[in-house]
C-alpha atoms as a PDB file:
ATOM      1  CA  MET A   1     -55.967 -14.806-177.535  1.00  0.00           C
ATOM      2  CA  THR A   2     -54.418 -17.864-177.568  1.00  0.00           C
ATOM      3  CA  ASN A   3     -51.641 -17.999-175.339  1.00  0.00           C
ATOM      4  CA  LEU A   4     -48.754 -17.664-177.440  1.00  0.00           C
ATOM      5  CA  GLN A   5     -50.652 -14.179-178.377  1.00  0.00           C
ATOM      6  CA  ILE A   6     -50.696 -13.594-174.879  1.00  0.00           C
ATOM      7  CA  ARG A   7     -47.287 -14.031-174.451  1.00  0.00           C
ATOM      8  CA  ILE A   8     -45.974 -11.868-176.751  1.00  0.00           C
ATOM      9  CA  LEU A   9     -48.159  -9.284-175.320  1.00  0.00           C
ATOM     10  CA  THR A  10     -46.758  -9.265-172.164  1.00  0.00           C
ATOM     11  CA  ALA A  11     -43.265 -10.020-173.233  1.00  0.00           C
ATOM     12  CA  LEU A  12     -43.876  -6.462-175.198  1.00  0.00           C
ATOM     13  CA  ILE A  13     -45.149  -4.905-172.021  1.00  0.00           C
ATOM     14  CA  TYR A  14     -42.526  -6.093-169.598  1.00  0.00           C
ATOM     15  CA  PHE A  15     -39.049  -6.553-171.661  1.00  0.00           C
ATOM     16  CA  PRO A  16     -38.423  -3.177-172.970  1.00  0.00           C
ATOM     17  CA  LEU A  17     -39.092  -2.479-168.672  1.00  0.00           C
ATOM     18  CA  LEU A  18     -36.600  -4.609-167.699  1.00  0.00           C
ATOM     19  CA  LEU A  19     -34.065  -2.883-170.385  1.00  0.00           C
ATOM     20  CA  LEU A  20     -35.079   0.550-169.418  1.00  0.00           C
ATOM     21  CA  SER A  21     -34.811  -0.749-165.761  1.00  0.00           C
ATOM     22  CA  ALA A  22     -30.990  -1.402-166.313  1.00  0.00           C
ATOM     23  CA  TYR A  23     -29.982   2.125-167.178  1.00  0.00           C
ATOM     24  CA  SER A  24     -30.168   3.063-163.363  1.00  0.00           C
ATOM     25  CA  PRO A  25     -28.412   0.576-160.535  1.00  0.00           C
ATOM     26  CA  GLU A  26     -30.892   2.297-158.378  1.00  0.00           C
ATOM     27  CA  THR A  27     -33.892   1.188-160.583  1.00  0.00           C
ATOM     28  CA  PHE A  28     -32.664  -2.008-161.713  1.00  0.00           C
ATOM     29  CA  THR A  29     -32.188  -2.449-157.824  1.00  0.00           C
ATOM     30  CA  TRP A  30     -35.846  -2.063-156.926  1.00  0.00           C
ATOM     31  CA  MET A  31     -37.143  -3.944-160.367  1.00  0.00           C
ATOM     32  CA  MET A  32     -35.043  -7.220-158.794  1.00  0.00           C
ATOM     33  CA  LEU A  33     -36.680  -6.692-155.361  1.00  0.00           C
ATOM     34  CA  LEU A  34     -40.001  -6.457-156.925  1.00  0.00           C
ATOM     35  CA  LEU A  35     -38.979 -10.009-158.910  1.00  0.00           C
ATOM     36  CA  THR A  36     -37.409 -11.565-155.814  1.00  0.00           C
ATOM     37  CA  ALA A  37     -40.708 -10.659-153.684  1.00  0.00           C
ATOM     38  CA  LEU A  38     -43.090 -12.234-156.621  1.00  0.00           C
ATOM     39  CA  ALA A  39     -40.522 -15.725-157.046  1.00  0.00           C
ATOM     40  CA  TRP A  40     -40.200 -16.696-152.979  1.00  0.00           C
ATOM     41  CA  HIS A  41     -44.472 -15.997-152.889  1.00  0.00           C
ATOM     42  CA  GLU A  42     -44.176 -18.945-155.386  1.00  0.00           C
ATOM     43  CA  TYR A  43     -41.158 -20.913-153.793  1.00  0.00           C
ATOM     44  CA  LEU A  44     -43.104 -20.127-150.994  1.00  0.00           C
ATOM     45  CA  GLU A  45     -46.220 -21.880-152.122  1.00  0.00           C
ATOM     46  CA  PHE A  46     -44.828 -24.839-153.434  1.00  0.00           C
ATOM     47  CA  ARG A  47     -45.522 -26.528-150.117  1.00  0.00           C
ATOM     48  CA  VAL A  48     -47.938 -24.449-148.120  1.00  0.00           C
ATOM     49  CA  LYS A  49     -50.855 -21.865-150.063  1.00  0.00           C
ATOM     50  CA  PRO A  50     -51.612 -19.749-146.974  1.00  0.00           C
ATOM     51  CA  LYS A  51     -55.448 -18.970-146.472  1.00  0.00           C
ATOM     52  CA  GLU A  52     -55.627 -18.041-142.449  1.00  0.00           C
ATOM     53  CA  GLN A  53     -54.627 -14.493-141.431  1.00  0.00           C
ATOM     54  CA  MET A  54     -51.659 -16.026-139.437  1.00  0.00           C
ATOM     55  CA  GLU A  55     -50.562 -18.354-142.320  1.00  0.00           C
ATOM     56  CA  TRP A  56     -50.582 -15.238-144.461  1.00  0.00           C
ATOM     57  CA  SER A  57     -48.867 -12.790-142.024  1.00  0.00           C
ATOM     58  CA  ARG A  58     -45.822 -15.917-141.737  1.00  0.00           C
ATOM     59  CA  HIS A  59     -45.981 -16.222-145.810  1.00  0.00           C
ATOM     60  CA  ILE A  60     -45.227 -12.185-145.667  1.00  0.00           C
ATOM     61  CA  CYS A  61     -42.845 -12.254-143.201  1.00  0.00           C
ATOM     62  CA  MET A  62     -40.773 -15.061-145.063  1.00  0.00           C
ATOM     63  CA  VAL A  63     -40.913 -12.980-148.435  1.00  0.00           C
ATOM     64  CA  PHE A  64     -39.857 -10.204-146.659  1.00  0.00           C
ATOM     65  CA  LEU A  65     -37.134 -12.320-145.278  1.00  0.00           C
ATOM     66  CA  GLY A  66     -35.678 -13.461-148.656  1.00  0.00           C
ATOM     67  CA  SER A  67     -35.507 -10.114-150.196  1.00  0.00           C
ATOM     68  CA  LEU A  68     -33.700  -8.463-147.293  1.00  0.00           C
ATOM     69  CA  PRO A  69     -30.149  -8.175-148.801  1.00  0.00           C
ATOM     70  CA  ILE A  70     -31.668  -6.648-151.774  1.00  0.00           C
ATOM     71  CA  PHE A  71     -34.040  -4.592-149.873  1.00  0.00           C
ATOM     72  CA  VAL A  72     -31.159  -3.295-148.080  1.00  0.00           C
ATOM     73  CA  MET A  73     -28.941  -2.545-151.253  1.00  0.00           C
ATOM     74  CA  ALA A  74     -32.024  -0.950-152.775  1.00  0.00           C
ATOM     75  CA  ILE A  75     -32.232   1.699-149.578  1.00  0.00           C
ATOM     76  CA  TYR A  76     -29.110   1.951-148.942  1.00  0.00           C
ATOM     77  CA  GLY A  77     -26.513   0.793-151.280  1.00  0.00           C
ATOM     78  CA  ASP A  78     -24.601  -1.614-148.954  1.00  0.00           C
ATOM     79  CA  LEU A  79     -24.929  -5.762-149.411  1.00  0.00           C
ATOM     80  CA  MET A  80     -22.979  -6.323-146.416  1.00  0.00           C
ATOM     81  CA  VAL A  81     -25.844  -5.159-143.801  1.00  0.00           C
ATOM     82  CA  GLY A  82     -28.873  -7.318-146.256  1.00  0.00           C
ATOM     83  CA  LEU A  83     -26.268 -10.457-145.801  1.00  0.00           C
ATOM     84  CA  ILE A  84     -25.812  -9.786-141.873  1.00  0.00           C
ATOM     85  CA  ALA A  85     -29.559  -8.619-141.334  1.00  0.00           C
ATOM     86  CA  LEU A  86     -30.547 -12.014-143.125  1.00  0.00           C
ATOM     87  CA  GLY A  87     -28.223 -14.378-141.448  1.00  0.00           C
ATOM     88  CA  ILE A  88     -29.437 -13.281-138.276  1.00  0.00           C
ATOM     89  CA  SER A  89     -32.544 -14.030-139.118  1.00  0.00           C
ATOM     90  CA  LEU A  90     -32.038 -17.273-139.889  1.00  0.00           C
ATOM     91  CA  GLN A  91     -29.931 -17.813-136.343  1.00  0.00           C
ATOM     92  CA  LEU A  92     -33.213 -16.430-134.645  1.00  0.00           C
ATOM     93  CA  SER A  93     -35.412 -19.530-136.514  1.00  0.00           C
ATOM     94  CA  ILE A  94     -33.165 -21.471-135.282  1.00  0.00           C
ATOM     95  CA  LEU A  95     -32.778 -20.451-131.948  1.00  0.00           C
ATOM     96  CA  THR A  96     -37.054 -20.509-132.057  1.00  0.00           C
ATOM     97  CA  ALA A  97     -36.780 -24.184-133.194  1.00  0.00           C
ATOM     98  CA  MET A  98     -34.136 -25.334-130.531  1.00  0.00           C
ATOM     99  CA  VAL A  99     -36.860 -23.771-127.688  1.00  0.00           C
ATOM    100  CA  ARG A 100     -39.652 -25.311-129.126  1.00  0.00           C
ATOM    101  CA  GLY A 101     -37.521 -29.031-128.361  1.00  0.00           C
ATOM    102  CA  ARG A 102     -36.824 -29.512-131.641  1.00  0.00           C
ATOM    103  CA  ASN A 103     -33.812 -32.194-132.619  1.00  0.00           C
ATOM    104  CA  LEU A 104     -31.095 -31.606-135.365  1.00  0.00           C
ATOM    105  CA  GLU A 105     -32.625 -33.641-137.477  1.00  0.00           C
ATOM    106  CA  GLU A 106     -36.148 -31.990-137.365  1.00  0.00           C
ATOM    107  CA  LEU A 107     -34.374 -28.805-137.709  1.00  0.00           C
ATOM    108  CA  TRP A 108     -32.774 -29.257-140.599  1.00  0.00           C
ATOM    109  CA  ALA A 109     -35.855 -30.826-142.126  1.00  0.00           C
ATOM    110  CA  GLN A 110     -37.085 -27.176-141.253  1.00  0.00           C
ATOM    111  CA  LEU A 111     -34.521 -25.416-142.543  1.00  0.00           C
ATOM    112  CA  GLN A 112     -33.478 -26.574-145.607  1.00  0.00           C
ATOM    113  CA  PHE A 113     -36.074 -25.370-147.628  1.00  0.00           C
ATOM    114  CA  TYR A 114     -35.163 -22.442-146.297  1.00  0.00           C
ATOM    115  CA  VAL A 115     -31.542 -22.097-147.063  1.00  0.00           C
ATOM    116  CA  PHE A 116     -32.223 -23.761-151.031  1.00  0.00           C
ATOM    117  CA  GLY A 117     -35.052 -20.670-151.177  1.00  0.00           C
ATOM    118  CA  VAL A 118     -31.754 -18.485-150.086  1.00  0.00           C
ATOM    119  CA  LEU A 119     -29.052 -19.585-152.350  1.00  0.00           C
ATOM    120  CA  TYR A 120     -31.553 -20.239-155.667  1.00  0.00           C
ATOM    121  CA  ILE A 121     -33.414 -17.349-155.859  1.00  0.00           C
ATOM    122  CA  THR A 122     -31.969 -14.228-153.080  1.00  0.00           C
ATOM    123  CA  GLY A 123     -28.577 -15.604-154.729  1.00  0.00           C
ATOM    124  CA  LEU A 124     -28.530 -15.775-157.788  1.00  0.00           C
ATOM    125  CA  PHE A 125     -31.037 -12.367-158.254  1.00  0.00           C
ATOM    126  CA  LEU A 126     -28.353 -10.479-155.936  1.00  0.00           C
ATOM    127  CA  SER A 127     -25.996 -11.668-158.693  1.00  0.00           C
ATOM    128  CA  LEU A 128     -27.802  -9.991-161.495  1.00  0.00           C
ATOM    129  CA  VAL A 129     -27.910  -6.646-158.916  1.00  0.00           C
ATOM    130  CA  LEU A 130     -24.120  -6.955-158.550  1.00  0.00           C
ATOM    131  CA  LEU A 131     -23.517  -7.741-162.324  1.00  0.00           C
ATOM    132  CA  GLN A 132     -25.517  -4.825-163.498  1.00  0.00           C
ATOM    133  CA  ARG A 133     -23.282  -2.116-160.755  1.00  0.00           C
ATOM    134  CA  GLU A 134     -20.065  -3.696-162.391  1.00  0.00           C
ATOM    135  CA  GLN A 135     -18.122  -1.599-165.278  1.00  0.00           C
ATOM    136  CA  GLY A 136     -20.262  -2.114-168.446  1.00  0.00           C
ATOM    137  CA  GLY A 137     -22.709  -3.857-166.394  1.00  0.00           C
ATOM    138  CA  ARG A 138     -25.910  -1.748-168.499  1.00  0.00           C
ATOM    139  CA  GLU A 139     -24.609  -3.394-171.498  1.00  0.00           C
ATOM    140  CA  ALA A 140     -23.813  -6.906-169.591  1.00  0.00           C
ATOM    141  CA  VAL A 141     -27.148  -6.865-168.408  1.00  0.00           C
ATOM    142  CA  TRP A 142     -28.940  -6.015-171.881  1.00  0.00           C
ATOM    143  CA  PHE A 143     -26.845  -8.923-173.339  1.00  0.00           C
ATOM    144  CA  LEU A 144     -27.737 -10.938-170.842  1.00  0.00           C
ATOM    145  CA  PHE A 145     -31.780 -10.981-171.877  1.00  0.00           C
ATOM    146  CA  PHE A 146     -31.244 -10.768-175.202  1.00  0.00           C
ATOM    147  CA  VAL A 147     -29.386 -14.015-175.475  1.00  0.00           C
ATOM    148  CA  VAL A 148     -31.328 -15.748-172.772  1.00  0.00           C
ATOM    149  CA  GLY A 149     -34.711 -14.465-174.829  1.00  0.00           C
ATOM    150  CA  ALA A 150     -33.111 -15.342-177.983  1.00  0.00           C
ATOM    151  CA  THR A 151     -32.190 -18.796-176.623  1.00  0.00           C
ATOM    152  CA  ASP A 152     -35.772 -19.368-175.099  1.00  0.00           C
ATOM    153  CA  THR A 153     -37.758 -18.015-178.471  1.00  0.00           C
ATOM    154  CA  ILE A 154     -35.916 -20.288-180.727  1.00  0.00           C
ATOM    155  CA  ALA A 155     -35.651 -23.568-179.005  1.00  0.00           C
ATOM    156  CA  TYR A 156     -39.307 -23.365-178.322  1.00  0.00           C
ATOM    157  CA  PHE A 157     -39.904 -22.689-182.219  1.00  0.00           C
ATOM    158  CA  THR A 158     -37.222 -25.425-183.199  1.00  0.00           C
ATOM    159  CA  GLY A 159     -38.344 -28.384-180.798  1.00  0.00           C
ATOM    160  CA  LYS A 160     -42.190 -27.867-181.369  1.00  0.00           C
ATOM    161  CA  ASN A 161     -41.363 -28.036-185.412  1.00  0.00           C
ATOM    162  CA  LEU A 162     -38.295 -30.119-185.667  1.00  0.00           C
ATOM    163  CA  GLY A 163     -38.315 -31.658-182.931  1.00  0.00           C
ATOM    164  CA  HIS A 164     -38.551 -35.411-182.260  1.00  0.00           C
ATOM    165  CA  THR A 165     -35.278 -36.742-179.891  1.00  0.00           C
ATOM    166  CA  PRO A 166     -36.285 -36.841-176.530  1.00  0.00           C
ATOM    167  CA  PHE A 167     -33.583 -34.461-173.984  1.00  0.00           C
ATOM    168  CA  PHE A 168     -34.250 -34.863-170.420  1.00  0.00           C
ATOM    169  CA  GLN A 169     -37.621 -36.538-171.130  1.00  0.00           C
ATOM    170  CA  TRP A 170     -37.568 -37.780-167.570  1.00  0.00           C
ATOM    171  CA  ILE A 171     -37.605 -34.066-166.269  1.00  0.00           C
ATOM    172  CA  SER A 172     -39.776 -32.417-169.517  1.00  0.00           C
ATOM    173  CA  PRO A 173     -41.586 -34.714-171.664  1.00  0.00           C
ATOM    174  CA  SER A 174     -41.323 -31.437-174.381  1.00  0.00           C
ATOM    175  CA  LYS A 175     -38.086 -31.155-174.477  1.00  0.00           C
ATOM    176  CA  THR A 176     -36.105 -32.173-177.260  1.00  0.00           C
ATOM    177  CA  ARG A 177     -32.290 -31.956-178.681  1.00  0.00           C
ATOM    178  CA  GLU A 178     -33.219 -30.445-181.919  1.00  0.00           C
ATOM    179  CA  GLY A 179     -35.068 -27.683-179.516  1.00  0.00           C
ATOM    180  CA  PHE A 180     -31.949 -27.614-177.091  1.00  0.00           C
ATOM    181  CA  TRP A 181     -28.949 -26.580-180.423  1.00  0.00           C
ATOM    182  CA  GLY A 182     -31.666 -24.905-181.914  1.00  0.00           C
ATOM    183  CA  GLY A 183     -32.149 -22.484-178.729  1.00  0.00           C
ATOM    184  CA  LEU A 184     -27.677 -22.629-178.603  1.00  0.00           C
ATOM    185  CA  LEU A 185     -27.482 -21.618-182.012  1.00  0.00           C
ATOM    186  CA  GLY A 186     -29.934 -18.862-181.720  1.00  0.00           C
ATOM    187  CA  GLY A 187     -28.435 -17.919-178.354  1.00  0.00           C
ATOM    188  CA  VAL A 188     -24.974 -17.349-180.028  1.00  0.00           C
ATOM    189  CA  LEU A 189     -26.086 -15.388-183.435  1.00  0.00           C
ATOM    190  CA  SER A 190     -28.121 -13.209-181.444  1.00  0.00           C
ATOM    191  CA  ALA A 191     -25.069 -11.942-180.064  1.00  0.00           C
ATOM    192  CA  VAL A 192     -23.839 -10.381-183.726  1.00  0.00           C
ATOM    193  CA  ILE A 193     -27.068  -8.970-183.950  1.00  0.00           C
ATOM    194  CA  PHE A 194     -26.784  -7.510-180.572  1.00  0.00           C
ATOM    195  CA  TYR A 195     -22.672  -6.710-181.436  1.00  0.00           C
ATOM    196  CA  PHE A 196     -23.856  -4.624-184.663  1.00  0.00           C
ATOM    197  CA  VAL A 197     -26.889  -2.971-183.242  1.00  0.00           C
ATOM    198  CA  PHE A 198     -25.300  -2.086-180.306  1.00  0.00           C
ATOM    199  CA  LYS A 199     -22.166  -0.588-182.083  1.00  0.00           C
ATOM    200  CA  TYR A 200     -24.118   1.317-184.269  1.00  0.00           C
ATOM    201  CA  PHE A 201     -25.841   3.110-181.512  1.00  0.00           C
ATOM    202  CA  ASP A 202     -22.071   3.833-180.084  1.00  0.00           C
ATOM    203  CA  PHE A 203     -22.847   1.634-177.020  1.00  0.00           C
ATOM    204  CA  SER A 204     -19.329  -0.629-176.001  1.00  0.00           C
ATOM    205  CA  VAL A 205     -19.501  -3.749-176.779  1.00  0.00           C
ATOM    206  CA  PRO A 206     -16.853  -6.619-176.457  1.00  0.00           C
ATOM    207  CA  GLU A 207     -15.216  -7.571-179.386  1.00  0.00           C
ATOM    208  CA  ILE A 208     -17.600 -10.236-181.202  1.00  0.00           C
ATOM    209  CA  GLY A 209     -15.215 -13.227-180.747  1.00  0.00           C
ATOM    210  CA  ILE A 210     -15.121 -12.963-177.161  1.00  0.00           C
ATOM    211  CA  LEU A 211     -18.852 -11.843-177.283  1.00  0.00           C
ATOM    212  CA  LEU A 212     -19.710 -15.444-178.993  1.00  0.00           C
ATOM    213  CA  GLY A 213     -17.835 -16.852-176.386  1.00  0.00           C
ATOM    214  CA  LEU A 214     -19.785 -15.647-173.995  1.00  0.00           C
ATOM    215  CA  ALA A 215     -23.019 -15.994-175.404  1.00  0.00           C
ATOM    216  CA  GLY A 216     -22.695 -20.098-175.602  1.00  0.00           C
ATOM    217  CA  ILE A 217     -21.653 -20.130-172.074  1.00  0.00           C
ATOM    218  CA  VAL A 218     -25.207 -17.878-171.312  1.00  0.00           C
ATOM    219  CA  SER A 219     -27.006 -19.943-173.568  1.00  0.00           C
ATOM    220  CA  LEU A 220     -26.055 -22.806-171.943  1.00  0.00           C
ATOM    221  CA  ALA A 221     -26.716 -22.337-168.835  1.00  0.00           C
ATOM    222  CA  SER A 222     -29.771 -20.528-168.951  1.00  0.00           C
ATOM    223  CA  THR A 223     -30.760 -24.078-170.672  1.00  0.00           C
ATOM    224  CA  TRP A 224     -30.004 -25.765-167.733  1.00  0.00           C
ATOM    225  CA  GLY A 225     -31.778 -22.935-165.316  1.00  0.00           C
ATOM    226  CA  ASP A 226     -35.089 -24.250-167.488  1.00  0.00           C
ATOM    227  CA  LEU A 227     -34.326 -27.913-166.759  1.00  0.00           C
ATOM    228  CA  PHE A 228     -33.382 -27.318-163.211  1.00  0.00           C
ATOM    229  CA  GLU A 229     -36.864 -25.341-163.030  1.00  0.00           C
ATOM    230  CA  SER A 230     -38.415 -28.002-164.686  1.00  0.00           C
ATOM    231  CA  LEU A 231     -37.443 -30.836-161.784  1.00  0.00           C
ATOM    232  CA  LEU A 232     -38.223 -28.478-159.233  1.00  0.00           C
ATOM    233  CA  LYS A 233     -42.017 -27.970-160.270  1.00  0.00           C
ATOM    234  CA  ARG A 234     -41.821 -31.980-161.268  1.00  0.00           C
ATOM    235  CA  HIS A 235     -40.983 -32.670-157.056  1.00  0.00           C
ATOM    236  CA  TYR A 236     -43.662 -30.312-156.090  1.00  0.00           C
ATOM    237  CA  LYS A 237     -46.521 -31.980-158.907  1.00  0.00           C
ATOM    238  CA  LEU A 238     -46.840 -28.257-160.369  1.00  0.00           C
ATOM    239  CA  LYS A 239     -47.271 -27.471-163.884  1.00  0.00           C
ATOM    240  CA  GLU A 240     -46.288 -23.170-163.893  1.00  0.00           C
ATOM    241  CA  SER A 241     -44.190 -21.848-160.738  1.00  0.00           C
ATOM    242  CA  GLY A 242     -47.226 -19.782-160.398  1.00  0.00           C
ATOM    243  CA  ARG A 243     -49.191 -16.421-162.384  1.00  0.00           C
ATOM    244  CA  SER A 244     -47.158 -13.554-161.990  1.00  0.00           C
ATOM    245  CA  ILE A 245     -46.832 -13.116-165.682  1.00  0.00           C
ATOM    246  CA  PRO A 246     -49.768 -13.833-167.772  1.00  0.00           C
ATOM    247  CA  GLY A 247     -48.955 -16.302-170.614  1.00  0.00           C
ATOM    248  CA  HIS A 248     -45.524 -16.878-168.832  1.00  0.00           C
ATOM    249  CA  GLY A 249     -46.449 -18.538-165.932  1.00  0.00           C
ATOM    250  CA  GLY A 250     -44.883 -17.278-162.646  1.00  0.00           C
ATOM    251  CA  VAL A 251     -41.342 -15.427-162.531  1.00  0.00           C
ATOM    252  CA  LEU A 252     -39.356 -18.108-161.756  1.00  0.00           C
ATOM    253  CA  ASP A 253     -40.601 -19.669-165.018  1.00  0.00           C
ATOM    254  CA  ARG A 254     -40.025 -16.805-166.940  1.00  0.00           C
ATOM    255  CA  PHE A 255     -36.690 -15.679-165.524  1.00  0.00           C
ATOM    256  CA  ASP A 256     -35.058 -19.674-164.781  1.00  0.00           C
ATOM    257  CA  GLY A 257     -33.011 -19.306-167.485  1.00  0.00           C
ATOM    258  CA  VAL A 258     -31.699 -15.720-166.730  1.00  0.00           C
ATOM    259  CA  LEU A 259     -30.890 -16.899-162.827  1.00  0.00           C
ATOM    260  CA  PHE A 260     -28.636 -19.556-164.030  1.00  0.00           C
ATOM    261  CA  ALA A 261     -27.062 -17.533-166.564  1.00  0.00           C
ATOM    262  CA  GLY A 262     -26.335 -14.268-164.771  1.00  0.00           C
ATOM    263  CA  LEU A 263     -24.116 -15.849-161.674  1.00  0.00           C
ATOM    264  CA  PRO A 264     -21.357 -17.209-165.076  1.00  0.00           C
ATOM    265  CA  LEU A 265     -21.706 -13.943-166.885  1.00  0.00           C
ATOM    266  CA  LEU A 266     -20.995 -12.308-163.755  1.00  0.00           C
ATOM    267  CA  PHE A 267     -17.952 -14.606-162.822  1.00  0.00           C
ATOM    268  CA  LEU A 268     -16.667 -13.570-165.854  1.00  0.00           C
ATOM    269  CA  VAL A 269     -17.194 -10.226-166.084  1.00  0.00           C
ATOM    270  CA  LEU A 270     -15.319  -9.910-162.495  1.00  0.00           C
ATOM    271  CA  LEU A 271     -12.064 -12.261-163.609  1.00  0.00           C
ATOM    272  CA  LEU A 272     -12.014 -10.141-167.149  1.00  0.00           C
ATOM    273  CA  GLY A 273     -12.392  -6.639-165.061  1.00  0.00           C
ATOM    274  CA  GLY A 274     -15.289  -5.328-166.671  1.00  0.00           C
ATOM    275  CA  PHE A 275     -17.783  -6.037-170.021  1.00  0.00           C
ATOM    276  CA  LYS A 276     -17.092  -2.842-171.936  1.00  0.00           C
ATOM    277  CA  THR A 277     -13.516  -1.986-171.252  1.00  0.00           C
ATOM    278  CA  VAL A 278     -11.028  -5.347-170.656  1.00  0.00           C
ATOM    279  CA  PHE A 279     -11.443  -6.513-174.254  1.00  0.00           C
ATOM    280  CA  HIS A 280      -9.834  -3.640-176.052  1.00  0.00           C
END
């Protein structure tokens, strides 16, 4: 099978599972917990691939700590307890470094990698959990996945067939302006399809004008998320973040756009009071 065929087959499996998981806050939280743990596994391997038993023990502990807020939400449904537990774990890490005689410069060098992981991985996956729990959150999550998926797919084919003008080539040599505009247009047009299909099946969706505006923001944010993840991989001299998803690379490769787009969508949903009633 070609890589494109593997990508399509894999998408036909995981994409419906993602959509179905959004029906239930509990199921969706567990799904995000799994993805968060896999993303932390990939992120930690950017620096060190564990080989010995002690290294694997530390690796697993860090994956667990990074996933802790979402794990607590999956078990207890309480975000604050998970955030407090994560904060305590960071305090213990600082205390351990101080006992070992590390100065402030050495301490920050050790912590900044993990603090960034908490913000980038834990925080952004957590924003998806919170988005699903808002009013109309199920439809908002579906909308997010559809728009980001359309942006990625159409940008890929537009860039491959029509692209010739470099776009942030110093980050990703394969990116082109034509691919960028094609992806943005595809993301916005996907909102039209989303509107008529979901309205036909009697799901609550925003008015078409508002939906197109949200699609533009989501599509644009997902593009920057893709570029940022490329920058991250370039820094660590990696081609892929991992191999968790056949044909797509790792979780961070596949969900980079979703992570960046989910936070502004959550902000807008909170600002407007919900995804399905505020626009009526």
